[in-house]
Protein backbone atom coordinates (compact mmCIF):
# COMPACT_ATOMS: atom_id res chain seq x y z
CA MET A 1 0.02 0.00 0.00
CA LYS A 2 2.84 2.44 0.81
CA LEU A 3 4.88 1.66 -2.25
CA PRO A 4 2.25 3.00 -4.78
CA LEU A 5 1.97 6.18 -2.69
CA LEU A 6 5.67 6.54 -2.53
CA CYS A 7 5.90 6.08 -6.26
CA PHE A 8 3.19 8.69 -6.70
CA ALA A 9 4.94 11.20 -4.57
CA ILE A 10 8.21 10.68 -6.40
CA ALA A 11 6.36 10.96 -9.84
CA VAL A 12 4.78 14.26 -8.74
CA GLY A 13 8.17 15.60 -7.53
CA LEU A 14 9.83 14.58 -10.83
CA TYR A 15 6.96 16.04 -12.85
CA ALA A 16 7.32 19.32 -10.99
CA CYS A 17 11.03 19.41 -11.30
CA SER A 18 10.97 18.70 -15.03
CA ARG A 19 8.51 21.56 -15.81
CA GLU A 20 9.78 24.57 -17.57
CA GLU A 21 8.76 28.10 -16.49
CA PRO A 22 5.20 28.87 -17.46
CA ALA A 23 4.60 30.60 -20.74
CA VAL A 24 3.54 34.22 -20.67
CA GLY A 25 -0.08 34.37 -19.61
CA GLN A 26 -0.01 31.03 -17.79
CA THR A 27 -1.41 31.49 -14.31
CA ALA A 28 -0.85 29.74 -11.03
CA GLN A 29 -4.37 28.33 -11.33
CA THR A 30 -3.31 26.55 -14.57
CA ARG A 31 -0.40 24.95 -12.72
CA ILE A 32 -2.75 23.91 -9.86
CA ASP A 33 -5.10 22.36 -12.35
CA GLU A 34 -2.22 20.37 -13.84
CA THR A 35 -1.33 19.11 -10.42
CA LYS A 36 -4.96 18.00 -9.85
CA GLN A 37 -4.80 16.08 -13.09
CA VAL A 38 -1.68 14.25 -11.86
CA GLU A 39 -3.42 13.45 -8.58
CA LYS A 40 -6.53 12.06 -10.27
CA ALA A 41 -4.51 10.01 -12.75
CA ALA A 42 -2.49 8.40 -9.95
CA ASP A 43 -5.28 7.05 -7.84
CA ALA A 44 -8.84 8.37 -8.29
CA ASN A 45 -10.58 6.20 -5.71
CA LYS A 46 -8.19 6.27 -2.74
CA PRO A 47 -7.44 9.26 -0.44
CA LEU A 48 -3.87 10.54 -0.52
CA SER A 49 -1.62 9.88 2.41
CA ASP A 50 -0.58 12.81 4.52
CA VAL A 51 2.98 12.61 3.09
CA SER A 52 1.75 12.65 -0.52
CA LEU A 53 -0.71 15.50 0.00
CA THR A 54 2.00 17.47 1.86
CA GLN A 55 4.42 17.00 -1.13
CA ILE A 56 1.72 18.06 -3.57
CA VAL A 57 1.00 21.22 -1.51
CA ARG A 58 4.75 21.99 -1.31
CA THR A 59 4.98 21.57 -5.15
CA ALA A 60 2.06 23.88 -5.67
CA LEU A 61 3.59 26.56 -3.51
CA GLU A 62 7.00 26.14 -5.14
CA SER A 63 5.50 26.50 -8.58
CA GLU A 64 4.36 30.05 -7.75
CA SER A 65 7.39 32.23 -8.57
CA SER A 66 6.21 35.23 -6.57
CA LEU A 67 6.43 33.10 -3.34
CA ASP A 68 9.59 31.99 -1.52
CA ALA A 69 8.29 28.50 -0.61
CA ARG A 70 11.53 27.81 1.26
CA LYS A 71 10.25 30.07 4.01
CA ILE A 72 6.87 28.29 4.20
CA ASP A 73 6.39 25.14 6.36
CA VAL A 74 3.54 22.86 5.55
CA GLU A 75 1.90 20.72 8.21
CA ASN A 76 -0.88 18.32 7.16
CA ARG A 77 -3.13 15.90 9.04
CA ALA A 78 -5.92 14.18 7.05
CA GLY A 79 -6.30 17.11 4.62
CA ASN A 80 -6.16 19.80 7.23
CA VAL A 81 -3.22 21.89 6.21
CA ALA A 82 -1.61 24.54 8.31
CA LEU A 83 0.99 27.02 6.86
CA HIS A 84 3.77 28.43 9.05
CA GLY A 85 6.56 30.83 8.20
CA SER A 86 6.84 34.27 6.70
CA VAL A 87 6.12 36.05 3.42
CA GLN A 88 6.84 39.59 2.15
CA SER A 89 3.28 40.94 1.91
CA ASP A 90 -0.34 40.43 2.77
CA GLU A 91 -0.98 39.63 -0.90
CA GLN A 92 1.55 36.75 -0.76
CA ARG A 93 0.02 35.41 2.40
CA GLU A 94 -3.47 35.36 0.80
CA LYS A 95 -2.07 33.89 -2.44
CA ALA A 96 -0.44 31.06 -0.52
CA GLY A 97 -3.71 30.24 1.21
CA ARG A 98 -5.63 30.26 -2.03
CA ILE A 99 -3.06 28.01 -3.79
CA VAL A 100 -3.19 25.47 -0.96
CA GLY A 101 -6.95 25.63 -0.79
CA ALA A 102 -7.13 24.78 -4.48
CA VAL A 103 -5.14 21.56 -4.16
CA GLY A 104 -7.35 18.45 -4.44
CA GLY A 105 -7.55 16.58 -1.12
CA VAL A 106 -7.10 19.74 1.06
CA ARG A 107 -10.12 20.03 3.35
CA ASN A 108 -9.16 23.04 5.42
CA VAL A 109 -6.35 25.66 5.38
CA VAL A 110 -5.06 27.35 8.50
CA ASN A 111 -2.92 30.20 7.30
CA ASN A 112 -0.48 31.07 10.13
CA LEU A 113 1.94 32.88 7.75
CA THR A 114 3.32 36.14 9.00
CA VAL A 115 4.13 39.14 6.96
CA ASP A 116 7.83 40.25 7.12
CA PRO A 117 8.68 42.88 4.51
CA SER A 118 12.36 42.61 5.47
CA ALA A 119 12.44 39.03 4.07
CA ALA A 120 12.90 40.50 0.58
CA THR A 121 16.26 42.08 1.43
CA GLY A 122 17.47 39.30 3.71
CA ALA A 123 17.61 41.79 6.61
CA THR A 124 16.49 40.49 9.98
CA ALA A 125 13.78 42.23 11.96
CA ALA A 126 14.85 43.80 15.23
CA LYS A 127 13.87 41.68 18.26
CA LYS A 128 11.60 43.39 20.79
CA ASP A 129 12.55 42.86 24.40
């Protein structure tokens, strides 16, 4: 049972890595729809494991060039996904939530991302005592 899911997760990862940058006019929604097609083709009748769904969510976030997905942690339990980390703006925070919510198999999104404008320059925010 775990072997097909592992193969699916690897296939999704390889598919995402082999993709070229989107053509002009191609939206994040188009890429999410493609991810959904891969999910359906792999196993239409069985729910995804937490590990597989987490990988698909990460791939969806990484495919959005306006987000730094390395600063976003994904926690998933039975389709309930929580996002932790920081982004540069409120728009990016909302976009990350929409992207995750559009992934097939995600039941609920808890967006715990914080906005840190200094993340763009690599500067660290001053700590408050």
